[in-house]
Protein backbone atom coordinates (compact mmCIF):
# COMPACT_ATOMS: atom_id res chain seq x y z
CA MET A 1 90.21 117.45 104.22
CA SER A 2 90.40 113.65 104.19
CA LYS A 3 89.68 112.02 107.54
CA GLY A 4 92.00 109.07 106.76
CA SER A 5 90.97 105.62 105.73
CA PRO A 6 90.37 102.56 107.91
CA ASN A 7 93.52 101.06 106.44
CA GLU A 8 95.76 104.18 106.55
CA PRO A 9 94.25 106.20 109.42
CA SER A 10 97.21 108.51 109.80
CA LEU A 11 97.10 109.90 106.30
CA ARG A 12 95.22 113.11 105.70
CA PRO A 13 95.82 113.84 102.02
CA PRO A 14 94.05 116.78 100.46
CA ILE A 15 91.06 115.78 98.30
CA PHE A 16 90.87 117.11 94.82
CA ASN A 17 87.54 118.32 93.40
CA VAL A 18 87.87 117.63 89.67
CA THR A 19 85.74 119.26 86.95
CA ASN A 20 86.13 117.71 83.46
CA HIS A 21 84.91 119.94 80.65
CA ASP A 22 86.06 117.58 77.91
CA ALA A 23 87.80 114.54 79.44
CA SER A 24 88.18 112.92 75.99
CA ARG A 25 90.72 115.57 75.03
CA THR A 26 92.82 115.63 78.14
CA THR A 27 96.16 113.84 77.84
CA PRO A 28 95.52 110.29 79.10
CA GLY A 29 97.62 108.20 81.44
CA GLY A 30 99.34 110.94 83.41
CA PHE A 31 99.89 111.49 87.13
CA TRP A 32 99.72 114.86 88.89
CA PHE A 33 102.70 115.70 91.04
CA VAL A 34 101.91 118.28 93.71
CA ALA A 35 103.32 119.20 97.19
CA PRO A 36 100.57 120.67 99.37
CA TYR A 37 101.74 123.12 102.00
CA ALA A 38 100.05 125.31 104.57
CA ASP A 39 102.85 127.79 105.25
CA LEU A 40 106.23 128.11 103.51
CA VAL A 41 107.62 130.10 106.46
CA GLN A 42 107.77 126.82 108.38
CA ARG A 43 106.25 127.72 111.72
CA ASP A 44 106.19 125.31 114.60
CA PRO A 45 104.94 121.89 113.57
CA GLY A 46 101.25 121.24 113.98
CA LYS A 47 99.99 124.82 114.11
CA LEU A 48 98.93 125.03 110.54
CA ALA A 49 98.64 121.43 109.31
CA VAL A 50 98.41 118.07 111.04
CA PRO A 51 100.99 115.45 110.17
CA ALA A 52 100.45 113.59 106.85
CA GLN A 53 98.68 116.53 105.20
CA VAL A 54 101.60 118.28 103.55
CA GLY A 55 104.55 117.09 101.42
CA PRO A 56 104.97 115.29 98.12
CA HIS A 57 101.83 113.65 96.72
CA ILE A 58 101.01 111.85 93.45
CA TYR A 59 97.45 111.75 92.17
CA ALA A 60 95.90 110.03 89.17
CA ASP A 61 94.47 112.41 86.65
CA ASP A 62 90.97 111.80 88.06
CA GLY A 63 92.13 113.13 91.50
CA THR A 64 92.58 109.69 93.07
CA LEU A 65 95.58 109.55 95.48
CA ILE A 66 98.39 107.31 94.38
CA TRP A 67 101.13 108.16 96.91
CA SER A 68 101.41 110.36 99.99
CA GLY A 69 104.96 111.03 101.06
CA ALA A 70 103.79 113.25 103.91
CA ASP A 71 105.27 110.94 106.55
CA MET A 72 108.79 111.49 105.15
CA PHE A 73 108.92 114.98 106.68
CA PRO A 74 105.82 115.53 108.84
CA THR A 75 104.36 119.08 108.72
CA ARG A 76 107.34 120.26 106.62
CA SER A 77 106.95 122.05 103.35
CA VAL A 78 108.16 120.53 100.11
CA CYS A 79 108.51 122.35 96.80
CA ASP A 80 109.03 121.63 93.13
CA PHE A 81 108.04 117.94 93.34
CA ARG A 82 108.40 116.38 89.92
CA GLN A 83 109.29 113.28 87.93
CA ILE A 84 112.80 113.18 86.50
CA GLU A 85 115.16 110.88 84.64
CA TYR A 86 117.96 109.61 86.88
CA HIS A 87 120.55 107.20 85.46
CA GLY A 88 118.23 106.19 82.65
CA ALA A 89 115.18 105.48 84.75
CA PRO A 90 112.12 107.46 85.97
CA ALA A 91 112.67 108.88 89.47
CA LEU A 92 111.38 111.66 91.68
CA SER A 93 112.85 114.88 93.03
CA PHE A 94 111.78 117.62 95.38
CA ILE A 95 113.13 120.31 97.70
CA VAL A 96 112.60 120.00 101.39
CA THR A 97 112.67 123.48 102.82
CA ALA A 98 114.94 124.72 105.62
CA ARG A 99 114.03 124.24 109.27
CA SER A 100 116.76 124.75 111.89
CA SER A 101 115.29 122.22 114.34
CA ALA A 102 115.01 119.33 111.91
CA LYS A 103 117.02 117.11 109.54
CA TYR A 104 118.50 119.19 106.64
CA PRO A 105 118.42 122.42 108.69
CA GLN A 106 119.48 124.43 105.54
CA GLY A 107 117.05 122.40 103.37
CA ALA A 108 118.06 119.99 100.63
CA ALA A 109 117.13 118.79 97.17
CA LEU A 110 116.38 115.08 97.23
CA ILE A 111 116.17 112.42 94.59
CA LEU A 112 114.03 109.29 95.17
CA ASP A 113 114.01 106.04 93.19
CA ASP A 114 110.89 104.09 92.21
CA THR A 115 110.71 102.52 95.70
CA TYR A 116 110.41 106.06 97.20
CA SER A 117 113.86 105.72 98.77
CA ILE A 118 116.22 108.67 98.92
CA VAL A 119 119.21 107.92 96.61
CA ASN A 120 120.86 111.42 96.46
CA GLU A 121 120.98 114.58 98.56
CA VAL A 122 122.02 117.86 96.99
CA PHE A 123 122.86 121.07 98.90
CA THR A 124 123.79 124.59 97.94
CA PRO A 125 127.38 125.20 96.85
CA ILE A 126 127.79 127.86 99.60
CA PRO A 127 128.23 126.33 103.04
CA GLY A 128 125.71 127.46 105.68
CA ILE A 129 123.34 128.93 103.04
CA SER A 130 119.75 127.56 102.81
CA ILE A 131 118.62 126.13 99.56
CA ASN A 132 116.24 128.24 97.58
CA MET A 133 112.78 126.57 97.45
CA HIS A 134 111.99 127.51 93.88
CA GLU A 135 113.98 125.24 91.55
CA PHE A 136 115.65 121.88 91.40
CA LYS A 137 115.87 120.61 87.83
CA VAL A 138 117.80 117.41 87.12
CA THR A 139 119.45 117.44 83.69
CA ASP A 140 121.78 115.31 81.52
CA HIS A 141 119.85 112.10 82.33
CA GLY A 142 120.60 112.51 85.99
CA SER A 143 124.25 113.53 86.02
CA SER A 144 123.71 117.25 86.88
CA ALA A 145 121.06 119.57 88.28
CA LEU A 146 120.13 123.26 88.29
CA LEU A 147 119.28 125.00 91.53
CA LEU A 148 118.94 128.49 92.96
CA TYR A 149 120.46 130.03 96.08
CA ASP A 150 120.35 133.25 98.02
CA THR A 151 123.60 134.79 99.27
CA PRO A 152 124.04 136.22 102.81
CA THR A 153 122.52 139.62 103.42
CA GLN A 154 124.76 142.50 102.33
CA TRP A 155 124.29 145.52 104.60
CA SER A 156 124.81 148.99 103.26
CA ASN A 157 127.93 150.94 104.19
CA ASP A 158 125.92 154.16 103.98
CA PRO A 159 125.40 155.41 107.56
CA TYR A 160 122.02 156.82 106.54
CA LEU A 161 120.69 153.42 105.38
CA SER A 162 119.78 150.73 107.85
CA TRP A 163 118.63 148.14 105.35
CA GLY A 164 120.54 145.47 103.39
CA PHE A 165 119.82 143.39 100.32
CA VAL A 166 119.94 139.72 99.53
CA ASP A 167 121.42 138.57 96.24
CA SER A 168 120.31 135.55 94.26
CA GLY A 169 122.21 133.18 92.10
CA PHE A 170 122.02 129.82 90.37
CA ALA A 171 124.35 126.89 90.04
CA GLU A 172 124.71 123.73 87.97
CA ILE A 173 125.70 120.93 90.29
CA ASP A 174 127.50 117.68 89.44
CA LEU A 175 125.28 115.03 90.99
CA LEU A 176 128.12 112.52 91.36
CA THR A 177 130.43 114.81 93.31
CA GLY A 178 128.09 117.43 94.67
CA GLN A 179 130.36 120.21 93.38
CA PRO A 180 129.32 123.10 91.21
CA ARG A 181 130.06 123.08 87.51
CA PHE A 182 128.86 126.63 87.02
CA MET A 183 127.78 129.49 89.34
CA TRP A 184 126.30 132.87 88.62
CA ASN A 185 125.34 135.74 90.96
CA CYS A 186 122.76 138.30 89.80
CA SER A 187 124.44 141.43 91.23
CA ASP A 188 127.63 140.69 89.22
CA HIS A 189 125.65 141.18 86.00
CA ILE A 190 122.41 143.09 86.72
CA PRO A 191 122.38 146.55 88.32
CA LEU A 192 120.25 147.02 91.42
CA THR A 193 118.57 149.90 89.64
CA ALA A 194 116.90 147.31 87.38
CA SER A 195 114.67 146.23 90.31
CA THR A 196 111.00 147.16 90.17
CA LYS A 197 110.51 146.35 93.82
CA PRO A 198 110.65 149.46 96.00
CA GLU A 199 113.61 149.94 98.29
CA PRO A 200 112.92 149.91 102.03
CA GLU A 201 112.79 153.27 103.78
CA PRO A 202 116.23 154.53 104.83
CA GLY A 203 115.69 153.81 108.52
CA ASP A 204 114.17 150.38 108.07
CA ARG A 205 116.17 147.43 109.42
CA SER A 206 114.97 145.16 106.79
CA VAL A 207 116.22 143.14 103.78
CA TRP A 208 115.52 144.18 100.24
CA ASP A 209 114.67 141.21 98.02
CA TRP A 210 115.65 143.20 94.95
CA ILE A 211 115.63 140.46 92.25
CA HIS A 212 114.00 137.20 93.50
CA LEU A 213 115.10 134.49 91.05
CA ASN A 214 112.46 131.68 90.76
CA THR A 215 113.47 129.64 87.71
CA VAL A 216 116.62 128.53 85.83
CA ASP A 217 116.52 126.42 82.68
CA ARG A 218 119.14 125.33 80.18
CA ASP A 219 119.09 124.97 76.37
CA ALA A 220 120.80 122.38 74.08
CA ASN A 221 123.93 124.61 73.83
CA GLY A 222 124.29 124.82 77.58
CA ASP A 223 123.21 128.43 77.95
CA PHE A 224 120.79 129.35 80.73
CA LEU A 225 117.41 131.01 81.02
CA VAL A 226 116.83 132.84 84.34
CA THR A 227 113.53 134.29 85.60
CA ALA A 228 113.74 137.30 87.93
CA ARG A 229 110.39 138.23 89.46
CA HIS A 230 111.43 141.64 90.88
CA THR A 231 112.90 142.99 87.71
CA ASP A 232 109.93 141.71 85.65
CA ALA A 233 112.50 140.27 83.30
CA ILE A 234 113.93 137.07 81.80
CA TYR A 235 117.58 136.73 80.98
CA LYS A 236 119.58 134.37 78.74
CA VAL A 237 123.02 133.77 80.24
CA SER A 238 126.07 132.52 78.41
CA ARG A 239 127.58 129.37 79.85
CA ARG A 240 130.95 130.20 78.38
CA THR A 241 131.33 133.76 79.70
CA GLY A 242 128.47 134.31 82.16
CA ALA A 243 127.40 137.39 80.23
CA ILE A 244 123.74 138.22 79.62
CA LEU A 245 123.12 137.45 75.97
CA TRP A 246 119.65 139.07 75.94
CA GLN A 247 116.88 140.32 78.23
CA LEU A 248 113.15 140.03 77.74
CA GLY A 249 111.01 142.53 79.63
CA GLY A 250 111.90 144.83 82.50
CA VAL A 251 114.13 147.92 82.38
CA GLY A 252 116.33 147.75 79.29
CA SER A 253 114.63 144.83 77.48
CA SER A 254 116.55 143.66 74.41
CA PHE A 255 113.22 142.99 72.62
CA GLU A 256 110.26 145.14 71.82
CA LEU A 257 107.11 143.45 73.17
CA GLN A 258 104.40 143.60 70.55
CA GLY A 259 100.84 143.64 71.85
CA PHE A 260 101.44 141.91 75.19
CA ASN A 261 103.14 142.26 78.52
CA PHE A 262 104.05 140.26 81.62
CA SER A 263 105.09 140.98 85.16
CA ARG A 264 106.02 139.20 88.39
CA GLN A 265 106.33 136.10 86.22
CA HIS A 266 107.44 132.50 86.99
CA ASP A 267 108.69 129.44 85.26
CA ALA A 268 110.34 130.68 82.02
CA ARG A 269 111.40 127.66 79.92
CA PHE A 270 113.11 127.09 76.60
CA VAL A 271 110.69 125.46 74.18
CA ASP A 272 112.44 125.63 70.74
CA ALA A 273 115.11 127.54 68.93
CA ASN A 274 116.83 127.97 65.61
CA GLY A 275 119.31 130.49 64.20
CA THR A 276 116.85 133.37 64.16
CA THR A 277 114.07 132.48 66.57
CA THR A 278 113.69 131.39 70.19
CA ILE A 279 110.39 130.21 71.66
CA ILE A 280 109.86 130.29 75.40
CA SER A 281 106.98 129.61 77.75
CA ILE A 282 106.18 131.53 81.01
CA LEU A 283 103.51 131.88 83.63
CA ASN A 284 102.52 135.56 83.68
CA ASN A 285 101.40 136.21 87.23
CA ALA A 286 100.63 139.85 86.26
CA SER A 287 100.44 140.82 89.92
CA ASP A 288 102.17 140.61 93.26
CA GLY A 289 99.05 141.43 95.31
CA ILE A 290 99.91 145.17 95.25
CA ASP A 291 100.34 146.17 91.60
CA MET A 292 98.86 144.49 88.54
CA THR A 293 99.46 144.63 84.80
CA ALA A 294 96.53 142.51 83.67
CA ASP A 295 93.09 141.54 84.99
CA LEU A 296 93.98 137.86 85.30
CA SER A 297 97.05 135.61 85.22
CA SER A 298 97.90 133.56 82.14
CA ALA A 299 100.31 130.97 80.71
CA GLN A 300 102.07 132.36 77.67
CA LEU A 301 104.04 131.02 74.68
CA ILE A 302 106.31 133.69 73.30
CA ARG A 303 108.31 134.01 70.09
CA LEU A 304 111.55 136.00 70.08
CA ASP A 305 112.74 137.17 66.69
CA HIS A 306 116.51 137.78 66.82
CA THR A 307 116.50 139.44 63.46
CA THR A 308 113.93 142.16 64.19
CA MET A 309 114.50 141.98 68.02
CA LYS A 310 110.74 141.91 68.52
CA ALA A 311 108.78 139.58 70.81
CA SER A 312 105.30 138.36 69.99
CA LEU A 313 102.66 136.25 71.69
CA ILE A 314 102.02 132.87 70.00
CA GLN A 315 99.29 131.82 72.40
CA LYS A 316 98.06 132.47 75.87
CA TRP A 317 95.88 130.49 78.27
CA ASP A 318 94.05 132.59 80.82
CA ARG A 319 93.34 131.44 84.29
CA PRO A 320 89.95 129.84 83.89
CA ASP A 321 88.37 131.27 87.03
CA GLY A 322 89.37 134.81 86.01
CA GLN A 323 91.56 135.41 89.06
CA LEU A 324 95.16 136.52 89.60
CA SER A 325 97.93 134.23 90.90
CA HIS A 326 99.87 136.67 93.06
CA LEU A 327 102.49 134.10 94.03
CA ARG A 328 104.24 131.19 92.32
CA GLY A 329 102.85 128.81 89.74
CA ASN A 330 104.04 127.07 86.58
CA MET A 331 103.20 126.09 83.04
CA GLN A 332 103.92 122.74 81.38
CA ILE A 333 103.62 121.68 77.72
CA LEU A 334 102.47 118.04 77.58
CA PRO A 335 103.62 115.52 75.01
CA ASP A 336 100.53 116.04 72.84
CA THR A 337 100.83 119.81 73.12
CA ASN A 338 98.12 120.18 75.71
CA ILE A 339 98.92 122.73 78.45
CA PHE A 340 98.93 121.87 82.13
CA VAL A 341 99.08 124.88 84.55
CA GLY A 342 99.60 125.06 88.27
CA TRP A 343 98.09 128.36 89.36
CA SER A 344 99.39 128.19 92.93
CA ALA A 345 96.12 129.42 94.42
CA ASN A 346 95.13 128.92 98.00
CA ASP A 347 93.41 125.69 97.03
CA GLY A 348 96.03 124.09 94.74
CA TYR A 349 94.16 125.15 91.63
CA VAL A 350 95.27 123.41 88.40
CA SER A 351 93.92 123.22 84.91
CA GLU A 352 94.52 121.50 81.60
CA HIS A 353 93.99 123.21 78.22
CA SER A 354 94.11 122.30 74.58
CA ALA A 355 96.84 123.94 72.49
CA ASP A 356 94.32 126.26 70.88
CA GLY A 357 93.00 127.51 74.26
CA ASP A 358 90.02 125.36 75.31
CA VAL A 359 89.71 124.62 78.96
CA LEU A 360 89.54 120.82 79.29
CA MET A 361 89.80 120.27 83.09
CA GLU A 362 89.98 122.13 86.32
CA ALA A 363 90.76 120.79 89.74
CA ARG A 364 91.31 122.23 93.19
CA PHE A 365 91.66 121.01 96.78
CA LEU A 366 88.46 120.97 98.77
CA SER A 367 90.35 122.80 101.49
CA ASP A 368 91.53 126.38 100.85
CA ARG A 369 94.15 126.07 103.65
CA LEU A 370 96.58 124.28 101.37
CA SER A 371 98.37 125.28 98.20
CA THR A 372 101.12 123.82 96.01
CA TYR A 373 104.03 125.86 94.69
CA ARG A 374 104.07 124.04 91.34
CA ALA A 375 101.96 121.28 89.77
CA TYR A 376 103.07 118.87 87.04
CA LYS A 377 101.54 116.15 84.93
CA PHE A 378 104.01 113.45 84.06
CA PHE A 379 103.91 110.03 82.42
CA GLY A 380 105.66 106.67 82.75
CA PHE A 381 106.48 106.61 86.45
CA ARG A 382 106.01 103.17 88.07
CA GLY A 383 106.03 103.18 91.87
CA ARG A 384 107.28 100.01 93.57
CA PRO A 385 107.08 100.60 97.34
CA GLN A 386 109.40 98.69 99.56
CA HIS A 387 106.67 97.85 102.06
CA PRO A 388 103.90 95.38 101.26
CA PRO A 389 100.26 96.22 100.78
CA THR A 390 98.33 97.04 103.88
CA VAL A 391 95.15 95.17 104.71
CA LYS A 392 92.65 95.39 107.50
CA ALA A 393 89.57 93.23 107.92
CA ILE A 394 86.58 93.96 110.23
CA VAL A 395 83.81 91.50 111.01
CA HIS A 396 80.31 92.89 111.44
CA SER A 397 77.20 91.05 112.62
CA THR A 398 74.26 91.01 110.29
CA SER A 399 72.11 88.94 112.69
CA ALA A 400 72.46 86.94 115.82
CA SER A 401 74.12 84.14 113.92
CA GLU A 402 75.43 85.67 110.68
CA CYS A 403 78.19 88.12 109.89
CA VAL A 404 79.96 89.81 107.03
CA THR A 405 83.65 90.70 106.73
CA LEU A 406 84.78 93.99 105.21
CA VAL A 407 88.37 94.01 103.95
CA TYR A 408 90.19 97.27 103.35
CA VAL A 409 93.36 97.07 101.29
CA SER A 410 95.74 99.75 99.95
CA TRP A 411 99.32 100.06 98.88
CA ASN A 412 100.65 103.61 99.24
CA GLY A 413 102.68 104.47 96.14
CA ALA A 414 101.97 101.42 93.99
CA THR A 415 101.07 102.39 90.45
CA ASP A 416 100.54 99.08 88.70
CA VAL A 417 97.78 97.42 90.69
CA ALA A 418 94.76 96.61 88.50
CA TYR A 419 92.93 94.35 90.97
CA TRP A 420 93.21 92.44 94.21
CA ASN A 421 92.89 88.70 94.92
CA PHE A 422 91.80 87.74 98.39
CA TYR A 423 92.62 84.48 100.19
CA THR A 424 91.22 83.38 103.59
CA SER A 425 91.68 80.59 106.11
CA LYS A 426 88.74 79.41 108.15
CA HIS A 427 89.99 76.17 109.65
CA ASN A 428 90.74 75.26 113.26
CA GLU A 429 94.10 73.81 112.19
CA PRO A 430 96.25 75.78 109.71
CA GLU A 431 95.48 74.12 106.40
CA GLY A 432 96.50 76.94 104.00
CA PHE A 433 94.45 79.56 102.27
CA VAL A 434 91.61 79.23 99.83
CA TYR A 435 90.71 81.80 97.16
CA SER A 436 87.91 84.01 98.34
CA GLY A 437 87.40 86.46 95.52
CA ARG A 438 88.65 89.36 93.41
CA LYS A 439 87.96 93.04 93.41
CA ASN A 440 89.14 95.64 90.93
CA LYS A 441 91.23 98.38 92.45
CA THR A 442 88.96 101.35 93.24
CA GLY A 443 90.60 104.52 94.40
CA PHE A 444 93.39 104.67 96.94
CA GLU A 445 91.69 102.07 99.14
CA THR A 446 89.66 99.14 97.85
CA VAL A 447 86.93 97.58 99.96
CA TYR A 448 86.06 93.88 99.55
CA SER A 449 83.33 92.07 101.40
CA TYR A 450 82.37 88.43 101.93
CA GLY A 451 79.85 86.57 104.01
CA GLY A 452 81.04 84.97 107.21
CA ALA A 453 84.35 85.29 108.96
CA SER A 454 87.83 83.88 108.73
CA ARG A 455 90.76 83.34 110.95
CA CYS A 456 93.24 85.00 108.57
CA ILE A 457 93.14 86.95 105.37
CA VAL A 458 95.70 87.86 102.65
CA ALA A 459 95.41 90.34 99.87
CA GLU A 460 97.39 89.89 96.61
CA ALA A 461 98.12 92.84 94.28
CA VAL A 462 97.82 91.86 90.67
CA ALA A 463 98.82 93.77 87.50
CA ILE A 464 96.54 94.32 84.55
CA ASP A 465 98.11 91.35 82.66
CA GLY A 466 97.39 89.01 85.57
CA THR A 467 100.91 88.98 87.01
CA PRO A 468 101.00 88.83 90.82
CA ILE A 469 102.96 91.79 92.20
CA ARG A 470 103.08 91.33 95.93
CA ASN A 471 101.08 90.07 98.89
CA SER A 472 100.00 91.79 102.02
CA SER A 473 100.93 90.51 105.41
CA ILE A 474 98.75 87.83 107.00
CA GLU A 475 96.12 89.61 109.04
CA ALA A 476 93.45 88.41 111.48
CA PRO A 477 90.05 90.19 111.24
CA ILE A 478 88.95 92.54 114.01
CA TRP A 479 85.59 91.71 115.40
CA GLN A 480 83.50 94.88 115.52
CA ASP A 481 80.73 93.45 117.70
CA ALA A 482 80.01 90.21 119.51
CA GLY A 483 76.69 89.22 117.94
CA CYS A 484 78.31 86.72 115.56
CA SER A 485 80.96 84.31 116.61
CA LEU A 486 83.14 81.51 115.34
CA GLU A 487 84.87 78.95 117.57
CA THR A 488 88.17 79.53 115.86
CA ALA A 489 87.74 83.19 115.06
CA TYR A 490 90.35 84.47 117.55
CA PHE A 491 93.21 82.10 116.82
CA LEU A 492 95.90 84.51 115.58
CA GLU A 493 99.01 83.43 113.77
CA SER A 494 102.02 85.73 113.56
CA GLU A 495 101.96 88.62 111.13
CA GLN A 496 104.23 87.60 108.25
CA ARG A 497 105.68 89.53 105.30
CA MET A 498 105.13 87.23 102.35
CA ALA A 499 106.96 88.89 99.48
CA ASP A 500 110.36 87.55 100.65
CA GLY A 501 109.18 84.57 102.65
CA ALA A 502 110.59 85.91 105.92
CA PRO A 503 108.27 85.77 108.95
CA GLN A 504 108.25 88.96 111.04
CA ALA A 505 107.01 90.10 114.35
CA ALA A 506 103.32 89.93 115.18
CA SER A 507 101.06 92.82 114.44
CA HIS A 508 100.78 95.09 117.51
CA ASP A 509 97.79 96.90 115.95
CA ILE A 510 95.84 93.64 115.87
CA TYR A 511 96.76 92.69 119.38
CA ASP A 512 95.76 96.13 120.60
CA GLY A 513 92.40 95.70 118.86
CA LEU A 514 91.87 92.30 120.44
CA LYS A 515 92.84 93.64 123.86
CA SER A 516 90.31 96.42 123.57
CA MET A 517 87.50 93.87 122.97
CA ALA A 518 88.59 91.45 125.72
CA SER A 519 86.69 93.34 128.37
CA THR A 520 83.38 92.54 126.69
CA ASN A 521 84.12 89.05 125.27
CA PRO A 522 86.08 86.64 127.45
CA LEU A 523 86.74 84.47 124.38
CA VAL A 524 88.96 87.22 123.06
CA LEU A 525 91.11 87.15 126.17
CA VAL A 526 91.51 83.37 126.01
CA ALA A 527 92.38 83.43 122.36
CA LEU A 528 94.84 86.31 122.71
CA GLY A 529 96.67 84.45 125.47
CA PHE A 530 96.80 81.29 123.36
CA CYS A 531 98.12 83.34 120.41
CA LEU A 532 100.86 85.07 122.49
CA SER A 533 101.99 81.77 124.08
CA TYR A 534 102.34 80.12 120.71
CA LEU A 535 103.93 83.08 118.91
CA PRO A 536 107.65 82.16 119.40
CA PRO A 537 107.37 78.62 117.90
CA LEU A 538 105.16 79.92 115.12
CA LEU A 539 107.81 82.42 114.09
CA ARG A 540 110.43 79.64 114.01
CA ARG A 541 108.29 77.20 112.05
CA PRO A 542 109.04 76.83 108.29
CA GLN A 543 106.21 78.53 106.48
CA GLY A 544 103.96 76.77 103.97
CA ARG A 545 103.15 78.29 100.62
CA ILE A 546 99.90 78.99 98.97
CA GLY A 547 99.19 79.97 95.37
CA GLY A 548 100.98 82.99 94.00
CA GLY A 549 103.69 82.97 96.72
CA LYS A 550 101.44 83.46 99.79
CA GLN A 551 102.36 81.84 103.12
CA ALA A 552 99.99 79.65 105.08
CA CYS A 553 98.33 80.83 108.24
CA GLY A 554 100.21 78.41 110.51
């Protein structure tokens, strides 16, 4: 597990170990959308994962972290994190799972814009019922969404039975009003005898999860595709009448399966259709950890012939490590027909395949404590965080009279940074900044070094076409040791946010760092007092400008 960076010490994002078998054939330019979790049951915070380990994360397709949203809901599980279209623009959505002691006690489906701000909250259409963690799919360019729910437990009236059962359903929600456009409960259309999950013993005071919906999709005609894990079946549901139009698999399948099978499946999706044929994709788990119908899990592309009522396998992609995914997972067809699969293993295992079955890439978390319910690869999202880039500079002595400054810069969630420009001020009186150098963005955090030391430093994020994006705050370096010194090194101006030209409060982190060194270097204490005494007038002073929209250090 990551130990956190000098610049973002609180973040502990999982580290991906990526194995490229043929990188030239993977679909380029995509980001991975995953939501690491340690325990979906949501035990007390901190017992299974430290803050900033779990939650929505975006990675580049080489495994480099782009954004960690773990601080949005610390230690809380998030599911089905994906890129969507919302009001004509790329956006993000995910489900935050229920926790009675926290915000959204019944859970919620959330939509975020490109600044990672929440712009819509969606709840189940049944008051007091927790949202189902499996599915939240935004449709109609952001005007509606599909989600799942579980109804309250229904206890048997039979005096000899102590157990009850929980029903599942799905709804299409109007995202403007929050009201359902369509609702469908399983037990109204599917008999309980269709379940392949054994009933509890008569005397058990337990709840029978008889059907366990995990996916709902919709076709161009508005009809729905529903995946039920505990009937080993997939159902097409009429939007007009609510009737089941056909069933694939399970007890009473409408189609004869030719030369293949599936069980305990997830993520059935419409792929294509015409008057006589429907093509769907699924993840065939083939096991629930107790029973199994295959030696390994696979992603499958299936053709349904409505004339002959036979189902055939077009292609399948076996799990590359030869294992079974007992729980969860998903399959995604990429724009160039490559296949991206989230196997939902204990280490967030994902893989990319060619359309004809070659394994092109595998990746998994270094830690086996974390998994992700689904994993996606999407294209075209541009993150524009509301906060500025974060910079931290540390001065190290290289000899009794010489030193070097290491500058750490990152911008959590920014997708367009190609390189960083660095500007420093070394003068006793504030005389603006001078250009120090440039460093191409490398990984989540970029490290830049220069000889000597400066009073203040600023990092500027720059796009690939040379357009400045935004500047960091003005920061004063932290002196790691006292072997090298400058007379003006500890003059500290106020921390200022330079994107909008508005000076802000001074950086407490920097003051804390200076205070901690004061006991060993009296100059620090003098400079810190000077800085604090001059802070109010500095904050009121009109700020100068330096190239690219940066403010001067005084």
